[in-house]
Amino acid sequence: LIEKYKLIFAVKNLKINYMKPSYLD
């Protein structure tokens, strides 16, 4: 994308909900 189209992406906005945890493995 950078080499051929001169494009990059950036996060503009984020909404997140954490419901339950995850654990090692």
PDB file of all heavy atoms in Angstrom:
ATOM      1  N   LEU A   1       0.826  -1.213   0.000  1.00  0.00           N
ATOM      2  CA  LEU A   1       0.000   0.000   0.000  1.00  0.00           C
ATOM      3  C   LEU A   1       0.862   1.266   0.000  1.00  0.00           C
ATOM      4  O   LEU A   1       0.556   2.236  -0.684  1.00  0.00           O
ATOM      5  CB  LEU A   1      -0.948   0.005   1.196  1.00  0.00           C
ATOM      6  CG  LEU A   1      -2.161  -0.906   1.074  1.00  0.00           C
ATOM      7  CD1 LEU A   1      -2.864  -1.041   2.413  1.00  0.00           C
ATOM      8  CD2 LEU A   1      -3.118  -0.392   0.017  1.00  0.00           C
ATOM      9  N   ILE A   2       1.948   1.232   0.756  1.00  0.00           N
ATOM     10  CA  ILE A   2       2.841   2.396   0.811  1.00  0.00           C
ATOM     11  C   ILE A   2       3.592   2.564  -0.510  1.00  0.00           C
ATOM     12  O   ILE A   2       3.630   3.654  -1.082  1.00  0.00           O
ATOM     13  CB  ILE A   2       3.822   2.281   1.994  1.00  0.00           C
ATOM     14  CG1 ILE A   2       3.061   2.391   3.316  1.00  0.00           C
ATOM     15  CG2 ILE A   2       4.899   3.354   1.909  1.00  0.00           C
ATOM     16  CD1 ILE A   2       3.890   2.019   4.536  1.00  0.00           C
ATOM     17  N   GLU A   3       4.186   1.465  -0.984  1.00  0.00           N
ATOM     18  CA  GLU A   3       5.015   1.554  -2.188  1.00  0.00           C
ATOM     19  C   GLU A   3       4.209   1.830  -3.453  1.00  0.00           C
ATOM     20  O   GLU A   3       4.593   2.675  -4.263  1.00  0.00           O
ATOM     21  CB  GLU A   3       5.828   0.270  -2.353  1.00  0.00           C
ATOM     22  CG  GLU A   3       6.906   0.112  -1.304  1.00  0.00           C
ATOM     23  CD  GLU A   3       7.629  -1.221  -1.377  1.00  0.00           C
ATOM     24  OE1 GLU A   3       7.273  -2.079  -2.216  1.00  0.00           O
ATOM     25  OE2 GLU A   3       8.563  -1.419  -0.561  1.00  0.00           O
ATOM     26  N   LYS A   4       3.104   1.135  -3.633  1.00  0.00           N
ATOM     27  CA  LYS A   4       2.337   1.238  -4.883  1.00  0.00           C
ATOM     28  C   LYS A   4       1.328   2.379  -4.868  1.00  0.00           C
ATOM     29  O   LYS A   4       1.133   3.059  -5.878  1.00  0.00           O
ATOM     30  CB  LYS A   4       1.615  -0.082  -5.151  1.00  0.00           C
ATOM     31  CG  LYS A   4       0.904  -0.117  -6.479  1.00  0.00           C
ATOM     32  CD  LYS A   4       0.362  -1.495  -6.775  1.00  0.00           C
ATOM     33  CE  LYS A   4      -0.330  -1.528  -8.134  1.00  0.00           C
ATOM     34  NZ  LYS A   4      -0.843  -2.854  -8.453  1.00  0.00           N
ATOM     35  N   TYR A   5       0.675   2.596  -3.714  1.00  0.00           N
ATOM     36  CA  TYR A   5      -0.423   3.564  -3.662  1.00  0.00           C
ATOM     37  C   TYR A   5      -0.128   4.786  -2.785  1.00  0.00           C
ATOM     38  O   TYR A   5      -0.946   5.691  -2.706  1.00  0.00           O
ATOM     39  CB  TYR A   5      -1.696   2.884  -3.145  1.00  0.00           C
ATOM     40  CG  TYR A   5      -2.168   1.760  -4.012  1.00  0.00           C
ATOM     41  CD1 TYR A   5      -1.911   0.432  -3.668  1.00  0.00           C
ATOM     42  CD2 TYR A   5      -2.883   2.007  -5.182  1.00  0.00           C
ATOM     43  CE1 TYR A   5      -2.354  -0.618  -4.458  1.00  0.00           C
ATOM     44  CE2 TYR A   5      -3.329   0.969  -5.982  1.00  0.00           C
ATOM     45  CZ  TYR A   5      -3.058  -0.347  -5.613  1.00  0.00           C
ATOM     46  OH  TYR A   5      -3.495  -1.376  -6.394  1.00  0.00           O
ATOM     47  N   LYS A   6       1.019   4.789  -2.085  1.00  0.00           N
ATOM     48  CA  LYS A   6       1.371   5.894  -1.163  1.00  0.00           C
ATOM     49  C   LYS A   6       0.300   6.080  -0.082  1.00  0.00           C
ATOM     50  O   LYS A   6      -0.058   7.201   0.282  1.00  0.00           O
ATOM     51  CB  LYS A   6       1.570   7.214  -1.920  1.00  0.00           C
ATOM     52  CG  LYS A   6       2.595   7.151  -3.027  1.00  0.00           C
ATOM     53  CD  LYS A   6       3.988   6.932  -2.491  1.00  0.00           C
ATOM     54  CE  LYS A   6       5.031   6.943  -3.586  1.00  0.00           C
ATOM     55  NZ  LYS A   6       5.745   5.701  -3.721  1.00  0.00           N
ATOM     56  N   LEU A   7      -0.218   4.959   0.450  1.00  0.00           N
ATOM     57  CA  LEU A   7      -1.284   4.995   1.441  1.00  0.00           C
ATOM     58  C   LEU A   7      -0.886   4.342   2.751  1.00  0.00           C
ATOM     59  O   LEU A   7      -0.171   3.336   2.765  1.00  0.00           O
ATOM     60  CB  LEU A   7      -2.525   4.271   0.909  1.00  0.00           C
ATOM     61  CG  LEU A   7      -3.224   4.877  -0.289  1.00  0.00           C
ATOM     62  CD1 LEU A   7      -4.416   4.020  -0.686  1.00  0.00           C
ATOM     63  CD2 LEU A   7      -3.668   6.296  -0.015  1.00  0.00           C
ATOM     64  N   ILE A   8      -1.360   4.933   3.836  1.00  0.00           N
ATOM     65  CA  ILE A   8      -1.246   4.332   5.156  1.00  0.00           C
ATOM     66  C   ILE A   8      -2.607   4.469   5.841  1.00  0.00           C
ATOM     67  O   ILE A   8      -3.451   5.250   5.405  1.00  0.00           O
ATOM     68  CB  ILE A   8      -0.143   4.991   6.016  1.00  0.00           C
ATOM     69  CG1 ILE A   8      -0.417   6.479   6.215  1.00  0.00           C
ATOM     70  CG2 ILE A   8       1.239   4.756   5.417  1.00  0.00           C
ATOM     71  CD1 ILE A   8       0.533   7.144   7.198  1.00  0.00           C
ATOM     72  N   PHE A   9      -2.793   3.711   6.906  1.00  0.00           N
ATOM     73  CA  PHE A   9      -4.033   3.766   7.668  1.00  0.00           C
ATOM     74  C   PHE A   9      -3.745   4.235   9.081  1.00  0.00           C
ATOM     75  O   PHE A   9      -2.697   3.933   9.648  1.00  0.00           O
ATOM     76  CB  PHE A   9      -4.695   2.388   7.729  1.00  0.00           C
ATOM     77  CG  PHE A   9      -5.184   1.895   6.402  1.00  0.00           C
ATOM     78  CD1 PHE A   9      -4.617   0.781   5.813  1.00  0.00           C
ATOM     79  CD2 PHE A   9      -6.220   2.537   5.749  1.00  0.00           C
ATOM     80  CE1 PHE A   9      -5.070   0.315   4.594  1.00  0.00           C
ATOM     81  CE2 PHE A   9      -6.674   2.083   4.530  1.00  0.00           C
ATOM     82  CZ  PHE A   9      -6.106   0.970   3.947  1.00  0.00           C
ATOM     83  N   ALA A  10      -4.701   4.961   9.654  1.00  0.00           N
ATOM     84  CA  ALA A  10      -4.593   5.411  11.042  1.00  0.00           C
ATOM     85  C   ALA A  10      -5.965   5.280  11.695  1.00  0.00           C
ATOM     86  O   ALA A  10      -6.992   5.575  11.070  1.00  0.00           O
ATOM     87  CB  ALA A  10      -4.135   6.867  11.098  1.00  0.00           C
ATOM     88  N   VAL A  11      -5.972   4.846  12.952  1.00  0.00           N
ATOM     89  CA  VAL A  11      -7.227   4.766  13.688  1.00  0.00           C
ATOM     90  C   VAL A  11      -7.691   6.192  13.982  1.00  0.00           C
ATOM     91  O   VAL A  11      -6.951   6.996  14.543  1.00  0.00           O
ATOM     92  CB  VAL A  11      -7.065   3.956  14.989  1.00  0.00           C
ATOM     93  CG1 VAL A  11      -8.332   4.025  15.837  1.00  0.00           C
ATOM     94  CG2 VAL A  11      -6.710   2.510  14.672  1.00  0.00           C
ATOM     95  N   LYS A  12      -8.909   6.494  13.567  1.00  0.00           N
ATOM     96  CA  LYS A  12      -9.486   7.823  13.782  1.00  0.00           C
ATOM     97  C   LYS A  12     -10.413   7.833  14.992  1.00  0.00           C
ATOM     98  O   LYS A  12     -10.463   8.801  15.741  1.00  0.00           O
ATOM     99  CB  LYS A  12     -10.248   8.267  12.540  1.00  0.00           C
ATOM    100  CG  LYS A  12     -10.874   9.641  12.653  1.00  0.00           C
ATOM    101  CD  LYS A  12     -11.424  10.079  11.315  1.00  0.00           C
ATOM    102  CE  LYS A  12     -12.191  11.363  11.353  1.00  0.00           C
ATOM    103  NZ  LYS A  12     -11.547  12.497  11.902  1.00  0.00           N
ATOM    104  N   ASN A  13     -11.136   6.734  15.191  1.00  0.00           N
ATOM    105  CA  ASN A  13     -12.102   6.662  16.272  1.00  0.00           C
ATOM    106  C   ASN A  13     -12.263   5.218  16.690  1.00  0.00           C
ATOM    107  O   ASN A  13     -12.189   4.321  15.853  1.00  0.00           O
ATOM    108  CB  ASN A  13     -13.440   7.239  15.788  1.00  0.00           C
ATOM    109  CG  ASN A  13     -14.454   7.348  16.892  1.00  0.00           C
ATOM    110  OD1 ASN A  13     -14.989   6.345  17.337  1.00  0.00           O
ATOM    111  ND2 ASN A  13     -14.711   8.560  17.328  1.00  0.00           N
ATOM    112  N   LEU A  14     -12.514   5.005  17.973  1.00  0.00           N
ATOM    113  CA  LEU A  14     -12.647   3.651  18.497  1.00  0.00           C
ATOM    114  C   LEU A  14     -13.662   3.636  19.621  1.00  0.00           C
ATOM    115  O   LEU A  14     -13.610   4.464  20.530  1.00  0.00           O
ATOM    116  CB  LEU A  14     -11.285   3.179  19.019  1.00  0.00           C
ATOM    117  CG  LEU A  14     -11.244   1.897  19.809  1.00  0.00           C
ATOM    118  CD1 LEU A  14     -11.423   0.701  18.887  1.00  0.00           C
ATOM    119  CD2 LEU A  14      -9.924   1.792  20.539  1.00  0.00           C
ATOM    120  N   LYS A  15     -14.598   2.694  19.530  1.00  0.00           N
ATOM    121  CA  LYS A  15     -15.535   2.424  20.624  1.00  0.00           C
ATOM    122  C   LYS A  15     -15.339   0.958  20.992  1.00  0.00           C
ATOM    123  O   LYS A  15     -15.433   0.081  20.123  1.00  0.00           O
ATOM    124  CB  LYS A  15     -16.975   2.638  20.175  1.00  0.00           C
ATOM    125  CG  LYS A  15     -17.302   4.046  19.780  1.00  0.00           C
ATOM    126  CD  LYS A  15     -18.727   4.110  19.246  1.00  0.00           C
ATOM    127  CE  LYS A  15     -18.961   5.440  18.565  1.00  0.00           C
ATOM    128  NZ  LYS A  15     -20.243   5.467  17.853  1.00  0.00           N
ATOM    129  N   ILE A  16     -15.073   0.681  22.262  1.00  0.00           N
ATOM    130  CA  ILE A  16     -14.778  -0.695  22.654  1.00  0.00           C
ATOM    131  C   ILE A  16     -15.507  -1.058  23.943  1.00  0.00           C
ATOM    132  O   ILE A  16     -15.647  -0.221  24.833  1.00  0.00           O
ATOM    133  CB  ILE A  16     -13.253  -0.923  22.784  1.00  0.00           C
ATOM    134  CG1 ILE A  16     -12.928  -2.405  22.939  1.00  0.00           C
ATOM    135  CG2 ILE A  16     -12.652  -0.090  23.899  1.00  0.00           C
ATOM    136  CD1 ILE A  16     -11.479  -2.753  22.670  1.00  0.00           C
ATOM    137  N   ASN A  17     -15.974  -2.289  23.988  1.00  0.00           N
ATOM    138  CA  ASN A  17     -16.606  -2.838  25.190  1.00  0.00           C
ATOM    139  C   ASN A  17     -15.872  -4.108  25.589  1.00  0.00           C
ATOM    140  O   ASN A  17     -15.683  -4.999  24.754  1.00  0.00           O
ATOM    141  CB  ASN A  17     -18.084  -3.166  24.931  1.00  0.00           C
ATOM    142  CG  ASN A  17     -18.924  -1.939  24.757  1.00  0.00           C
ATOM    143  OD1 ASN A  17     -18.832  -0.996  25.537  1.00  0.00           O
ATOM    144  ND2 ASN A  17     -19.743  -1.934  23.716  1.00  0.00           N
ATOM    145  N   TYR A  18     -15.487  -4.163  26.846  1.00  0.00           N
ATOM    146  CA  TYR A  18     -14.834  -5.350  27.408  1.00  0.00           C
ATOM    147  C   TYR A  18     -15.877  -6.082  28.245  1.00  0.00           C
ATOM    148  O   TYR A  18     -16.367  -5.543  29.226  1.00  0.00           O
ATOM    149  CB  TYR A  18     -13.652  -4.944  28.293  1.00  0.00           C
ATOM    150  CG  TYR A  18     -12.569  -4.183  27.571  1.00  0.00           C
ATOM    151  CD1 TYR A  18     -12.513  -2.793  27.614  1.00  0.00           C
ATOM    152  CD2 TYR A  18     -11.595  -4.862  26.842  1.00  0.00           C
ATOM    153  CE1 TYR A  18     -11.508  -2.096  26.964  1.00  0.00           C
ATOM    154  CE2 TYR A  18     -10.593  -4.168  26.185  1.00  0.00           C
ATOM    155  CZ  TYR A  18     -10.556  -2.786  26.254  1.00  0.00           C
ATOM    156  OH  TYR A  18      -9.556  -2.095  25.604  1.00  0.00           O
ATOM    157  N   MET A  19     -16.216  -7.316  27.854  1.00  0.00           N
ATOM    158  CA  MET A  19     -17.239  -8.066  28.564  1.00  0.00           C
ATOM    159  C   MET A  19     -16.660  -9.094  29.538  1.00  0.00           C
ATOM    160  O   MET A  19     -17.134  -9.214  30.652  1.00  0.00           O
ATOM    161  CB  MET A  19     -18.176  -8.782  27.591  1.00  0.00           C
ATOM    162  CG  MET A  19     -19.241  -7.878  26.994  1.00  0.00           C
ATOM    163  SD  MET A  19     -18.618  -6.742  25.775  1.00  0.00           S
ATOM    164  CE  MET A  19     -18.866  -7.662  24.302  1.00  0.00           C
ATOM    165  N   LYS A  20     -15.662  -9.825  29.071  1.00  0.00           N
ATOM    166  CA  LYS A  20     -15.049 -10.880  29.884  1.00  0.00           C
ATOM    167  C   LYS A  20     -13.551 -10.896  29.627  1.00  0.00           C
ATOM    168  O   LYS A  20     -13.108 -10.538  28.532  1.00  0.00           O
ATOM    169  CB  LYS A  20     -15.624 -12.262  29.519  1.00  0.00           C
ATOM    170  CG  LYS A  20     -17.059 -12.471  29.909  1.00  0.00           C
ATOM    171  CD  LYS A  20     -17.469 -13.902  29.614  1.00  0.00           C
ATOM    172  CE  LYS A  20     -18.843 -14.148  30.213  1.00  0.00           C
ATOM    173  NZ  LYS A  20     -19.105 -15.561  30.349  1.00  0.00           N
ATOM    174  N   PRO A  21     -12.778 -11.349  30.591  1.00  0.00           N
ATOM    175  CA  PRO A  21     -11.327 -11.412  30.384  1.00  0.00           C
ATOM    176  C   PRO A  21     -10.905 -12.653  29.600  1.00  0.00           C
ATOM    177  O   PRO A  21     -11.653 -13.627  29.498  1.00  0.00           O
ATOM    178  CB  PRO A  21     -10.783 -11.482  31.817  1.00  0.00           C
ATOM    179  CG  PRO A  21     -11.868 -12.163  32.582  1.00  0.00           C
ATOM    180  CD  PRO A  21     -13.160 -11.710  31.951  1.00  0.00           C
ATOM    181  N   SER A  22      -9.718 -12.597  29.062  1.00  0.00           N
ATOM    182  CA  SER A  22      -9.072 -13.791  28.515  1.00  0.00           C
ATOM    183  C   SER A  22      -7.769 -13.997  29.269  1.00  0.00           C
ATOM    184  O   SER A  22      -7.267 -13.087  29.925  1.00  0.00           O
ATOM    185  CB  SER A  22      -8.863 -13.678  27.003  1.00  0.00           C
ATOM    186  OG  SER A  22      -8.120 -12.546  26.672  1.00  0.00           O
ATOM    187  N   TYR A  23      -7.235 -15.212  29.145  1.00  0.00           N
ATOM    188  CA  TYR A  23      -6.143 -15.630  30.012  1.00  0.00           C
ATOM    189  C   TYR A  23      -4.996 -16.249  29.221  1.00  0.00           C
ATOM    190  O   TYR A  23      -5.156 -16.630  28.056  1.00  0.00           O
ATOM    191  CB  TYR A  23      -6.660 -16.653  31.029  1.00  0.00           C
ATOM    192  CG  TYR A  23      -7.813 -16.140  31.856  1.00  0.00           C
ATOM    193  CD1 TYR A  23      -9.128 -16.380  31.468  1.00  0.00           C
ATOM    194  CD2 TYR A  23      -7.593 -15.400  33.009  1.00  0.00           C
ATOM    195  CE1 TYR A  23     -10.192 -15.898  32.213  1.00  0.00           C
ATOM    196  CE2 TYR A  23      -8.648 -14.918  33.772  1.00  0.00           C
ATOM    197  CZ  TYR A  23      -9.939 -15.172  33.362  1.00  0.00           C
ATOM    198  OH  TYR A  23     -10.993 -14.686  34.107  1.00  0.00           O
ATOM    199  N   LEU A  24      -3.895 -16.372  29.886  1.00  0.00           N
ATOM    200  CA  LEU A  24      -2.708 -17.016  29.328  1.00  0.00           C
ATOM    201  C   LEU A  24      -3.086 -18.344  28.672  1.00  0.00           C
ATOM    202  O   LEU A  24      -3.828 -19.135  29.242  1.00  0.00           O
ATOM    203  CB  LEU A  24      -1.685 -17.241  30.446  1.00  0.00           C
ATOM    204  CG  LEU A  24      -0.380 -17.908  30.056  1.00  0.00           C
ATOM    205  CD1 LEU A  24       0.405 -17.034  29.082  1.00  0.00           C
ATOM    206  CD2 LEU A  24       0.448 -18.185  31.300  1.00  0.00           C
ATOM    207  N   ASP A  25      -2.597 -18.558  27.459  1.00  0.00           N
ATOM    208  CA  ASP A  25      -2.783 -19.768  26.652  1.00  0.00           C
ATOM    209  C   ASP A  25      -4.153 -19.916  26.004  1.00  0.00           C
ATOM    210  O   ASP A  25      -4.387 -20.894  25.293  1.00  0.00           O
ATOM    211  CB  ASP A  25      -2.447 -21.048  27.442  1.00  0.00           C
ATOM    212  CG  ASP A  25      -0.962 -21.202  27.677  1.00  0.00           C
ATOM    213  OD1 ASP A  25      -0.170 -20.737  26.835  1.00  0.00           O
ATOM    214  OD2 ASP A  25      -0.587 -21.775  28.715  1.00  0.00           O
TER     215      ASP A  25
END
